Amino acid sequence: MIPLVRLVLPVLETTPERWLQLAGKLSHELFQRKPAPKEWSAYDCLRHIVDTERSVFPPRVGYLLRGEDFPAYHPGKEGEGPAATPTPIELANEFVRLRAGSLALLSKIGEGDLSRTSRHQELGIVTLGEMIHEWAGHDLMHTVQGERAILQPFIDWCGPWKRYFSDHIIPASPQ
């Protein structure tokens, strides 16, 4: 397992700043642009990360510390976030605020706590250490997904250089 303090926490600490920079510098149009009809925009990715920061990961820490079973999470099927549509920068600022609370929560976890277990509704027995690693992976996965969405118009508009981006093109989703 990757050491929590040395490798996992820096990911969790830097993700909000990355999103804050993207949301603060990029145009609203580029941030909201879907790379394909059924794919998520950078905005969608950030909103999802904020939703999970609010209602998934910190509560799971509590479940695992108490040894209580916890439900699976199904994005889009559950009541994610408020109905309002904040601007990208408002959403990024909310993420910064929420993550600060999460980091304070994680700072209270000792090395011995990482082996605490609980039952996930779909995955079975999981440890707190595994869930914290998943949290960091989730951050990176959706940040990369958002950046790939932002990348698409640049690929489309780069003319003969497009072939160099073949591994990063998001094809239109099948209908």
N, C-alpha and C. Protein backbone atom coordinates (compact mmCIF):
# COMPACT_ATOMS: atom_id res chain seq x y z
N MET A 1 0.85 -1.19 0.00
CA MET A 1 0.00 0.00 0.00
C MET A 1 0.89 1.24 0.00
N ILE A 2 0.50 2.23 -0.78
CA ILE A 2 1.26 3.48 -0.86
C ILE A 2 1.13 4.22 0.46
N PRO A 3 2.23 4.70 1.01
CA PRO A 3 2.16 5.43 2.29
C PRO A 3 1.21 6.64 2.20
N LEU A 4 0.29 6.69 3.11
CA LEU A 4 -0.75 7.71 3.12
C LEU A 4 -0.18 9.13 3.13
N VAL A 5 0.68 9.41 4.06
CA VAL A 5 1.16 10.78 4.23
C VAL A 5 2.08 11.20 3.09
N ARG A 6 2.92 10.31 2.64
CA ARG A 6 3.94 10.68 1.65
C ARG A 6 3.38 10.79 0.23
N LEU A 7 2.43 9.95 -0.15
CA LEU A 7 1.99 9.95 -1.54
C LEU A 7 0.51 10.25 -1.74
N VAL A 8 -0.35 9.77 -0.88
CA VAL A 8 -1.78 9.95 -1.08
C VAL A 8 -2.24 11.36 -0.69
N LEU A 9 -1.85 11.82 0.48
CA LEU A 9 -2.30 13.14 0.92
C LEU A 9 -1.88 14.26 -0.04
N PRO A 10 -0.67 14.25 -0.60
CA PRO A 10 -0.34 15.32 -1.56
C PRO A 10 -1.29 15.37 -2.77
N VAL A 11 -1.79 14.22 -3.21
CA VAL A 11 -2.77 14.22 -4.29
C VAL A 11 -4.04 14.92 -3.82
N LEU A 12 -4.51 14.52 -2.64
CA LEU A 12 -5.73 15.12 -2.12
C LEU A 12 -5.55 16.61 -1.82
N GLU A 13 -4.35 17.02 -1.47
CA GLU A 13 -4.08 18.44 -1.18
C GLU A 13 -3.99 19.28 -2.44
N THR A 14 -3.48 18.73 -3.53
CA THR A 14 -3.24 19.54 -4.74
C THR A 14 -4.43 19.58 -5.70
N THR A 15 -5.33 18.62 -5.62
CA THR A 15 -6.44 18.58 -6.57
C THR A 15 -7.29 19.86 -6.54
N PRO A 16 -7.67 20.37 -5.38
CA PRO A 16 -8.50 21.58 -5.39
C PRO A 16 -7.82 22.77 -6.07
N GLU A 17 -6.52 22.92 -5.84
CA GLU A 17 -5.80 24.03 -6.47
C GLU A 17 -5.76 23.89 -7.98
N ARG A 18 -5.63 22.66 -8.45
CA ARG A 18 -5.64 22.42 -9.90
C ARG A 18 -6.97 22.86 -10.50
N TRP A 19 -8.06 22.47 -9.85
CA TRP A 19 -9.38 22.85 -10.34
C TRP A 19 -9.62 24.36 -10.21
N LEU A 20 -9.11 24.94 -9.15
CA LEU A 20 -9.26 26.39 -8.96
C LEU A 20 -8.57 27.13 -10.09
N GLN A 21 -7.38 26.68 -10.48
CA GLN A 21 -6.67 27.31 -11.60
C GLN A 21 -7.44 27.15 -12.90
N LEU A 22 -7.90 25.94 -13.18
CA LEU A 22 -8.65 25.70 -14.42
C LEU A 22 -9.93 26.55 -14.46
N ALA A 23 -10.67 26.52 -13.37
CA ALA A 23 -11.95 27.25 -13.33
C ALA A 23 -11.73 28.76 -13.38
N GLY A 24 -10.64 29.23 -12.80
CA GLY A 24 -10.38 30.67 -12.74
C GLY A 24 -9.80 31.25 -14.02
N LYS A 25 -9.15 30.42 -14.82
CA LYS A 25 -8.47 30.92 -16.01
C LYS A 25 -9.19 30.62 -17.33
N LEU A 26 -9.89 29.52 -17.39
CA LEU A 26 -10.50 29.11 -18.66
C LEU A 26 -11.85 29.79 -18.87
N SER A 27 -12.22 29.94 -20.11
CA SER A 27 -13.52 30.53 -20.41
C SER A 27 -14.63 29.59 -19.95
N HIS A 28 -15.75 30.17 -19.61
CA HIS A 28 -16.92 29.40 -19.19
C HIS A 28 -17.31 28.43 -20.30
N GLU A 29 -17.26 28.88 -21.53
CA GLU A 29 -17.62 28.05 -22.68
C GLU A 29 -16.74 26.80 -22.79
N LEU A 30 -15.43 26.99 -22.65
CA LEU A 30 -14.50 25.86 -22.74
C LEU A 30 -14.70 24.90 -21.57
N PHE A 31 -14.93 25.44 -20.38
CA PHE A 31 -15.10 24.64 -19.18
C PHE A 31 -16.38 23.81 -19.25
N GLN A 32 -17.42 24.35 -19.90
CA GLN A 32 -18.71 23.68 -19.98
C GLN A 32 -18.84 22.77 -21.20
N ARG A 33 -17.89 22.83 -22.13
CA ARG A 33 -17.99 22.10 -23.40
C ARG A 33 -17.87 20.60 -23.19
N LYS A 34 -18.87 19.85 -23.65
CA LYS A 34 -18.83 18.40 -23.60
C LYS A 34 -17.99 17.90 -24.78
N PRO A 35 -17.08 16.96 -24.55
CA PRO A 35 -16.25 16.48 -25.64
C PRO A 35 -17.01 15.61 -26.64
N ALA A 36 -18.12 15.04 -26.21
CA ALA A 36 -19.00 14.22 -27.05
C ALA A 36 -20.36 14.26 -26.38
N PRO A 37 -21.43 13.96 -27.11
CA PRO A 37 -22.78 14.13 -26.55
C PRO A 37 -23.05 13.48 -25.19
N LYS A 38 -22.56 12.29 -24.93
CA LYS A 38 -22.87 11.64 -23.66
C LYS A 38 -21.70 11.66 -22.68
N GLU A 39 -20.71 12.48 -22.94
CA GLU A 39 -19.52 12.58 -22.08
C GLU A 39 -19.63 13.78 -21.16
N TRP A 40 -18.83 13.76 -20.10
CA TRP A 40 -18.82 14.86 -19.13
C TRP A 40 -17.88 15.97 -19.57
N SER A 41 -18.34 17.20 -19.36
CA SER A 41 -17.48 18.38 -19.53
C SER A 41 -16.57 18.49 -18.29
N ALA A 42 -15.62 19.40 -18.34
CA ALA A 42 -14.79 19.66 -17.16
C ALA A 42 -15.69 20.11 -16.00
N TYR A 43 -16.70 20.92 -16.31
CA TYR A 43 -17.64 21.37 -15.29
C TYR A 43 -18.34 20.18 -14.63
N ASP A 44 -18.80 19.24 -15.46
CA ASP A 44 -19.47 18.05 -14.93
C ASP A 44 -18.54 17.26 -14.00
N CYS A 45 -17.28 17.13 -14.41
CA CYS A 45 -16.30 16.41 -13.59
C CYS A 45 -16.09 17.11 -12.26
N LEU A 46 -15.93 18.42 -12.29
CA LEU A 46 -15.73 19.18 -11.05
C LEU A 46 -16.97 19.08 -10.17
N ARG A 47 -18.13 19.20 -10.75
CA ARG A 47 -19.36 19.11 -9.96
C ARG A 47 -19.45 17.75 -9.27
N HIS A 48 -19.09 16.69 -10.00
CA HIS A 48 -19.11 15.35 -9.42
C HIS A 48 -18.11 15.24 -8.26
N ILE A 49 -16.93 15.78 -8.45
CA ILE A 49 -15.92 15.73 -7.38
C ILE A 49 -16.43 16.49 -6.15
N VAL A 50 -17.06 17.62 -6.36
CA VAL A 50 -17.62 18.38 -5.24
C VAL A 50 -18.72 17.58 -4.55
N ASP A 51 -19.60 16.96 -5.35
CA ASP A 51 -20.68 16.16 -4.78
C ASP A 51 -20.13 15.03 -3.92
N THR A 52 -19.09 14.35 -4.41
CA THR A 52 -18.54 13.24 -3.64
C THR A 52 -17.77 13.73 -2.41
N GLU A 53 -17.21 14.92 -2.53
CA GLU A 53 -16.51 15.50 -1.37
C GLU A 53 -17.51 15.87 -0.28
N ARG A 54 -18.70 16.23 -0.70
CA ARG A 54 -19.74 16.63 0.25
C ARG A 54 -20.41 15.40 0.87
N SER A 55 -20.73 14.39 0.06
CA SER A 55 -21.62 13.35 0.56
C SER A 55 -21.11 11.91 0.48
N VAL A 56 -19.90 11.69 -0.01
CA VAL A 56 -19.43 10.31 -0.15
C VAL A 56 -18.19 10.04 0.70
N PHE A 57 -17.07 10.68 0.38
CA PHE A 57 -15.81 10.29 1.01
C PHE A 57 -15.73 10.59 2.51
N PRO A 58 -16.00 11.81 2.97
CA PRO A 58 -15.94 12.04 4.42
C PRO A 58 -16.89 11.13 5.21
N PRO A 59 -18.15 10.95 4.75
CA PRO A 59 -18.99 10.01 5.49
C PRO A 59 -18.43 8.59 5.52
N ARG A 60 -17.79 8.16 4.43
CA ARG A 60 -17.20 6.82 4.41
C ARG A 60 -16.08 6.68 5.43
N VAL A 61 -15.33 7.74 5.64
CA VAL A 61 -14.30 7.69 6.68
C VAL A 61 -14.97 7.37 8.02
N GLY A 62 -16.08 8.06 8.29
CA GLY A 62 -16.81 7.80 9.54
C GLY A 62 -17.33 6.38 9.63
N TYR A 63 -17.93 5.89 8.55
CA TYR A 63 -18.43 4.51 8.55
C TYR A 63 -17.30 3.53 8.86
N LEU A 64 -16.17 3.73 8.20
CA LEU A 64 -15.04 2.81 8.38
C LEU A 64 -14.45 2.91 9.78
N LEU A 65 -14.36 4.10 10.33
CA LEU A 65 -13.83 4.24 11.69
C LEU A 65 -14.76 3.59 12.71
N ARG A 66 -16.07 3.61 12.44
CA ARG A 66 -17.05 3.00 13.35
C ARG A 66 -17.30 1.53 13.04
N GLY A 67 -16.78 1.04 11.89
CA GLY A 67 -17.02 -0.35 11.48
C GLY A 67 -18.43 -0.58 10.99
N GLU A 68 -19.09 0.47 10.50
CA GLU A 68 -20.48 0.36 10.03
C GLU A 68 -20.52 0.10 8.53
N ASP A 69 -21.47 -0.70 8.10
CA ASP A 69 -21.68 -0.93 6.68
C ASP A 69 -22.08 0.39 6.02
N PHE A 70 -21.78 0.51 4.72
CA PHE A 70 -22.17 1.73 4.02
C PHE A 70 -22.62 1.43 2.60
N PRO A 71 -23.48 2.30 2.07
CA PRO A 71 -24.05 2.05 0.75
C PRO A 71 -23.08 2.39 -0.39
N ALA A 72 -23.39 1.82 -1.54
CA ALA A 72 -22.67 2.19 -2.76
C ALA A 72 -23.14 3.58 -3.18
N TYR A 73 -22.41 4.18 -4.05
CA TYR A 73 -22.76 5.50 -4.57
C TYR A 73 -22.94 5.38 -6.08
N HIS A 74 -24.02 5.92 -6.57
CA HIS A 74 -24.32 5.86 -8.00
C HIS A 74 -24.54 7.27 -8.53
N PRO A 75 -23.49 7.87 -9.11
CA PRO A 75 -23.63 9.24 -9.63
C PRO A 75 -24.74 9.33 -10.67
N GLY A 76 -25.48 10.39 -10.59
CA GLY A 76 -26.57 10.60 -11.53
C GLY A 76 -27.88 9.98 -11.08
N LYS A 77 -27.81 8.93 -10.26
CA LYS A 77 -29.03 8.28 -9.77
C LYS A 77 -29.43 8.82 -8.41
N GLU A 78 -28.47 9.44 -7.74
CA GLU A 78 -28.73 9.96 -6.41
C GLU A 78 -28.82 11.48 -6.48
N GLY A 79 -29.45 12.08 -5.52
CA GLY A 79 -29.60 13.52 -5.51
C GLY A 79 -28.28 14.21 -5.28
N GLU A 80 -27.54 14.44 -6.35
CA GLU A 80 -26.24 15.09 -6.22
C GLU A 80 -26.41 16.59 -6.06
N GLY A 81 -25.76 17.12 -5.10
CA GLY A 81 -25.61 18.56 -4.92
C GLY A 81 -26.89 19.36 -5.02
N PRO A 82 -26.77 20.66 -4.81
CA PRO A 82 -27.93 21.54 -4.89
C PRO A 82 -28.38 21.71 -6.34
N ALA A 83 -29.66 22.07 -6.52
CA ALA A 83 -30.22 22.24 -7.85
C ALA A 83 -29.63 23.46 -8.57
N ALA A 84 -29.08 24.41 -7.82
CA ALA A 84 -28.49 25.61 -8.42
C ALA A 84 -27.31 25.22 -9.31
N THR A 85 -26.99 26.11 -10.24
CA THR A 85 -25.85 25.89 -11.13
C THR A 85 -24.81 26.97 -10.85
N PRO A 86 -23.89 26.68 -9.94
CA PRO A 86 -22.85 27.67 -9.65
C PRO A 86 -21.89 27.82 -10.83
N THR A 87 -21.20 28.94 -10.87
CA THR A 87 -20.19 29.14 -11.90
C THR A 87 -19.03 28.20 -11.62
N PRO A 88 -18.18 27.96 -12.61
CA PRO A 88 -17.02 27.09 -12.36
C PRO A 88 -16.16 27.57 -11.19
N ILE A 89 -15.93 28.87 -11.09
CA ILE A 89 -15.08 29.36 -10.00
C ILE A 89 -15.77 29.20 -8.64
N GLU A 90 -17.09 29.39 -8.60
CA GLU A 90 -17.82 29.16 -7.34
C GLU A 90 -17.74 27.69 -6.94
N LEU A 91 -17.86 26.82 -7.92
CA LEU A 91 -17.77 25.39 -7.65
C LEU A 91 -16.36 25.01 -7.17
N ALA A 92 -15.35 25.56 -7.82
CA ALA A 92 -13.96 25.29 -7.41
C ALA A 92 -13.70 25.81 -6.00
N ASN A 93 -14.22 26.99 -5.68
CA ASN A 93 -14.06 27.53 -4.32
C ASN A 93 -14.77 26.65 -3.29
N GLU A 94 -15.93 26.12 -3.65
CA GLU A 94 -16.64 25.20 -2.75
C GLU A 94 -15.80 23.94 -2.53
N PHE A 95 -15.17 23.45 -3.59
CA PHE A 95 -14.31 22.28 -3.48
C PHE A 95 -13.14 22.56 -2.54
N VAL A 96 -12.52 23.72 -2.66
CA VAL A 96 -11.41 24.10 -1.78
C VAL A 96 -11.88 24.08 -0.32
N ARG A 97 -13.05 24.65 -0.07
CA ARG A 97 -13.60 24.71 1.29
C ARG A 97 -13.88 23.31 1.84
N LEU A 98 -14.56 22.48 1.03
CA LEU A 98 -14.91 21.13 1.47
C LEU A 98 -13.66 20.28 1.70
N ARG A 99 -12.69 20.39 0.78
CA ARG A 99 -11.49 19.57 0.90
C ARG A 99 -10.70 19.95 2.15
N ALA A 100 -10.70 21.23 2.52
CA ALA A 100 -9.99 21.62 3.75
C ALA A 100 -10.57 20.86 4.94
N GLY A 101 -11.88 20.73 4.99
CA GLY A 101 -12.51 19.95 6.06
C GLY A 101 -12.14 18.48 5.99
N SER A 102 -12.08 17.95 4.77
CA SER A 102 -11.71 16.54 4.60
C SER A 102 -10.27 16.29 5.04
N LEU A 103 -9.39 17.20 4.70
CA LEU A 103 -7.99 17.05 5.10
C LEU A 103 -7.84 17.13 6.62
N ALA A 104 -8.64 17.99 7.25
CA ALA A 104 -8.62 18.06 8.71
C ALA A 104 -9.10 16.73 9.29
N LEU A 105 -10.12 16.14 8.71
CA LEU A 105 -10.61 14.83 9.15
C LEU A 105 -9.52 13.77 8.99
N LEU A 106 -8.87 13.75 7.83
CA LEU A 106 -7.83 12.76 7.56
C LEU A 106 -6.61 12.93 8.46
N SER A 107 -6.36 14.15 8.91
CA SER A 107 -5.20 14.39 9.77
C SER A 107 -5.34 13.70 11.13
N LYS A 108 -6.54 13.31 11.48
CA LYS A 108 -6.80 12.64 12.76
C LYS A 108 -6.67 11.12 12.66
N ILE A 109 -6.44 10.62 11.45
CA ILE A 109 -6.35 9.17 11.25
C ILE A 109 -4.92 8.72 11.48
N GLY A 110 -4.79 7.70 12.29
CA GLY A 110 -3.47 7.13 12.55
C GLY A 110 -3.20 5.95 11.63
N GLU A 111 -1.94 5.56 11.57
CA GLU A 111 -1.53 4.44 10.71
C GLU A 111 -2.33 3.18 11.05
N GLY A 112 -2.61 2.98 12.33
CA GLY A 112 -3.38 1.80 12.75
C GLY A 112 -4.83 1.81 12.28
N ASP A 113 -5.36 2.99 12.01
CA ASP A 113 -6.75 3.09 11.54
C ASP A 113 -6.92 2.60 10.10
N LEU A 114 -5.84 2.60 9.34
CA LEU A 114 -5.94 2.26 7.92
C LEU A 114 -6.41 0.83 7.68
N SER A 115 -6.24 -0.04 8.64
CA SER A 115 -6.67 -1.43 8.47
C SER A 115 -8.10 -1.67 8.96
N ARG A 116 -8.76 -0.64 9.46
CA ARG A 116 -10.15 -0.79 9.89
C ARG A 116 -11.01 -1.19 8.70
N THR A 117 -11.99 -2.03 8.94
CA THR A 117 -12.81 -2.54 7.84
C THR A 117 -14.28 -2.22 8.04
N SER A 118 -14.98 -2.29 6.93
CA SER A 118 -16.42 -2.14 6.90
C SER A 118 -16.90 -2.83 5.64
N ARG A 119 -18.19 -3.03 5.54
CA ARG A 119 -18.76 -3.68 4.36
C ARG A 119 -19.39 -2.63 3.45
N HIS A 120 -18.88 -2.58 2.21
CA HIS A 120 -19.44 -1.75 1.16
C HIS A 120 -20.56 -2.57 0.52
N GLN A 121 -21.66 -1.93 0.24
CA GLN A 121 -22.86 -2.60 -0.26
C GLN A 121 -22.59 -3.46 -1.50
N GLU A 122 -21.71 -3.04 -2.38
CA GLU A 122 -21.44 -3.78 -3.62
C GLU A 122 -20.08 -4.47 -3.62
N LEU A 123 -19.10 -3.92 -2.94
CA LEU A 123 -17.73 -4.42 -3.02
C LEU A 123 -17.37 -5.40 -1.91
N GLY A 124 -18.16 -5.46 -0.87
CA GLY A 124 -17.84 -6.32 0.25
C GLY A 124 -16.94 -5.61 1.25
N ILE A 125 -16.09 -6.38 1.93
CA ILE A 125 -15.23 -5.83 2.98
C ILE A 125 -14.13 -4.98 2.34
N VAL A 126 -14.00 -3.76 2.84
CA VAL A 126 -12.96 -2.82 2.39
C VAL A 126 -12.29 -2.23 3.62
N THR A 127 -11.07 -1.75 3.42
CA THR A 127 -10.36 -1.10 4.52
C THR A 127 -10.38 0.42 4.33
N LEU A 128 -10.15 1.11 5.41
CA LEU A 128 -10.06 2.57 5.34
C LEU A 128 -8.90 2.97 4.43
N GLY A 129 -7.77 2.29 4.53
CA GLY A 129 -6.63 2.59 3.66
C GLY A 129 -6.98 2.44 2.19
N GLU A 130 -7.70 1.37 1.84
CA GLU A 130 -8.10 1.18 0.45
C GLU A 130 -9.02 2.30 -0.02
N MET A 131 -9.96 2.69 0.85
CA MET A 131 -10.90 3.75 0.47
C MET A 131 -10.18 5.08 0.29
N ILE A 132 -9.20 5.37 1.11
CA ILE A 132 -8.46 6.64 0.97
C ILE A 132 -7.64 6.62 -0.32
N HIS A 133 -7.08 5.48 -0.68
CA HIS A 133 -6.38 5.38 -1.96
C HIS A 133 -7.34 5.55 -3.12
N GLU A 134 -8.54 5.00 -2.99
CA GLU A 134 -9.56 5.18 -4.04
C GLU A 134 -9.93 6.65 -4.16
N TRP A 135 -9.98 7.35 -3.06
CA TRP A 135 -10.31 8.77 -3.04
C TRP A 135 -9.29 9.55 -3.88
N ALA A 136 -8.02 9.28 -3.66
CA ALA A 136 -6.97 9.96 -4.44
C ALA A 136 -7.07 9.58 -5.91
N GLY A 137 -7.29 8.30 -6.19
CA GLY A 137 -7.45 7.87 -7.57
C GLY A 137 -8.65 8.51 -8.23
N HIS A 138 -9.74 8.64 -7.49
CA HIS A 138 -10.96 9.29 -7.98
C HIS A 138 -10.67 10.74 -8.36
N ASP A 139 -9.94 11.45 -7.49
CA ASP A 139 -9.54 12.83 -7.79
C ASP A 139 -8.80 12.89 -9.12
N LEU A 140 -7.78 12.06 -9.24
CA LEU A 140 -6.94 12.10 -10.45
C LEU A 140 -7.73 11.69 -11.69
N MET A 141 -8.53 10.64 -11.57
CA MET A 141 -9.30 10.16 -12.72
C MET A 141 -10.21 11.25 -13.28
N HIS A 142 -10.97 11.90 -12.40
CA HIS A 142 -11.92 12.91 -12.89
C HIS A 142 -11.23 14.22 -13.27
N THR A 143 -10.08 14.50 -12.70
CA THR A 143 -9.32 15.68 -13.13
C THR A 143 -8.78 15.44 -14.54
N VAL A 144 -8.22 14.28 -14.78
CA VAL A 144 -7.74 13.94 -16.12
C VAL A 144 -8.90 13.93 -17.11
N GLN A 145 -10.04 13.38 -16.70
CA GLN A 145 -11.22 13.35 -17.56
C GLN A 145 -11.65 14.78 -17.93
N GLY A 146 -11.64 15.68 -16.95
CA GLY A 146 -12.00 17.07 -17.21
C GLY A 146 -11.00 17.74 -18.14
N GLU A 147 -9.73 17.48 -17.91
CA GLU A 147 -8.69 18.08 -18.77
C GLU A 147 -8.77 17.52 -20.19
N ARG A 148 -9.12 16.24 -20.34
CA ARG A 148 -9.31 15.67 -21.68
C ARG A 148 -10.49 16.33 -22.39
N ALA A 149 -11.53 16.65 -21.65
CA ALA A 149 -12.67 17.35 -22.25
C ALA A 149 -12.23 18.73 -22.75
N ILE A 150 -11.43 19.43 -21.95
CA ILE A 150 -10.92 20.74 -22.33
C ILE A 150 -9.99 20.63 -23.54
N LEU A 151 -9.27 19.55 -23.65
CA LEU A 151 -8.31 19.33 -24.73
C LEU A 151 -8.96 19.16 -26.10
N GLN A 152 -10.18 18.66 -26.16
CA GLN A 152 -10.79 18.26 -27.43
C GLN A 152 -10.85 19.36 -28.50
N PRO A 153 -11.28 20.58 -28.20
CA PRO A 153 -11.31 21.57 -29.28
C PRO A 153 -9.93 21.93 -29.81
N PHE A 154 -8.93 21.83 -28.97
CA PHE A 154 -7.57 22.12 -29.43
C PHE A 154 -7.10 21.03 -30.39
N ILE A 155 -7.48 19.79 -30.10
CA ILE A 155 -7.17 18.70 -31.02
C ILE A 155 -7.90 18.93 -32.34
N ASP A 156 -9.18 19.25 -32.25
CA ASP A 156 -9.99 19.46 -33.47
C ASP A 156 -9.44 20.58 -34.34
N TRP A 157 -8.86 21.59 -33.72
CA TRP A 157 -8.46 22.79 -34.46
C TRP A 157 -6.97 22.88 -34.76
N CYS A 158 -6.21 21.80 -34.53
CA CYS A 158 -4.76 21.91 -34.71
C CYS A 158 -4.27 21.42 -36.08
N GLY A 159 -5.20 21.16 -36.98
CA GLY A 159 -4.82 20.82 -38.35
C GLY A 159 -3.98 19.56 -38.44
N PRO A 160 -2.85 19.63 -39.15
CA PRO A 160 -2.06 18.43 -39.40
C PRO A 160 -1.42 17.82 -38.14
N TRP A 161 -1.39 18.54 -37.04
CA TRP A 161 -0.85 18.00 -35.80
C TRP A 161 -1.83 17.05 -35.10
N LYS A 162 -3.06 17.00 -35.56
CA LYS A 162 -4.10 16.19 -34.90
C LYS A 162 -3.66 14.74 -34.72
N ARG A 163 -2.91 14.20 -35.66
CA ARG A 163 -2.51 12.79 -35.56
C ARG A 163 -1.65 12.53 -34.31
N TYR A 164 -0.99 13.54 -33.79
CA TYR A 164 -0.17 13.36 -32.60
C TYR A 164 -1.01 13.22 -31.32
N PHE A 165 -2.27 13.51 -31.43
CA PHE A 165 -3.18 13.46 -30.28
C PHE A 165 -4.12 12.25 -30.32
N SER A 166 -3.84 11.30 -31.19
CA SER A 166 -4.78 10.20 -31.40
C SER A 166 -5.14 9.45 -30.12
N ASP A 167 -4.24 9.35 -29.17
CA ASP A 167 -4.54 8.66 -27.91
C ASP A 167 -5.46 9.46 -26.99
N HIS A 168 -5.70 10.71 -27.33
CA HIS A 168 -6.47 11.58 -26.45
C HIS A 168 -7.80 12.03 -27.04
N ILE A 169 -8.11 11.57 -28.24
CA ILE A 169 -9.37 11.96 -28.88
C ILE A 169 -10.51 11.18 -28.23
N ILE A 170 -11.54 11.90 -27.86
CA ILE A 170 -12.74 11.28 -27.30
C ILE A 170 -13.75 11.16 -28.45
N PRO A 171 -14.01 9.94 -28.88
CA PRO A 171 -14.96 9.77 -29.99
C PRO A 171 -16.38 10.04 -29.53
N ALA A 172 -17.22 10.38 -30.50
CA ALA A 172 -18.63 10.58 -30.20
C ALA A 172 -19.21 9.29 -29.64
N SER A 173 -20.02 9.40 -28.62
CA SER A 173 -20.62 8.21 -28.00
C SER A 173 -21.62 7.57 -28.97
N PRO A 174 -21.70 6.24 -28.96
CA PRO A 174 -22.70 5.59 -29.80
C PRO A 174 -24.09 5.98 -29.32
N GLN A 175 -24.96 6.18 -30.23
CA GLN A 175 -26.32 6.61 -29.89
C GLN A 175 -27.17 5.49 -29.41
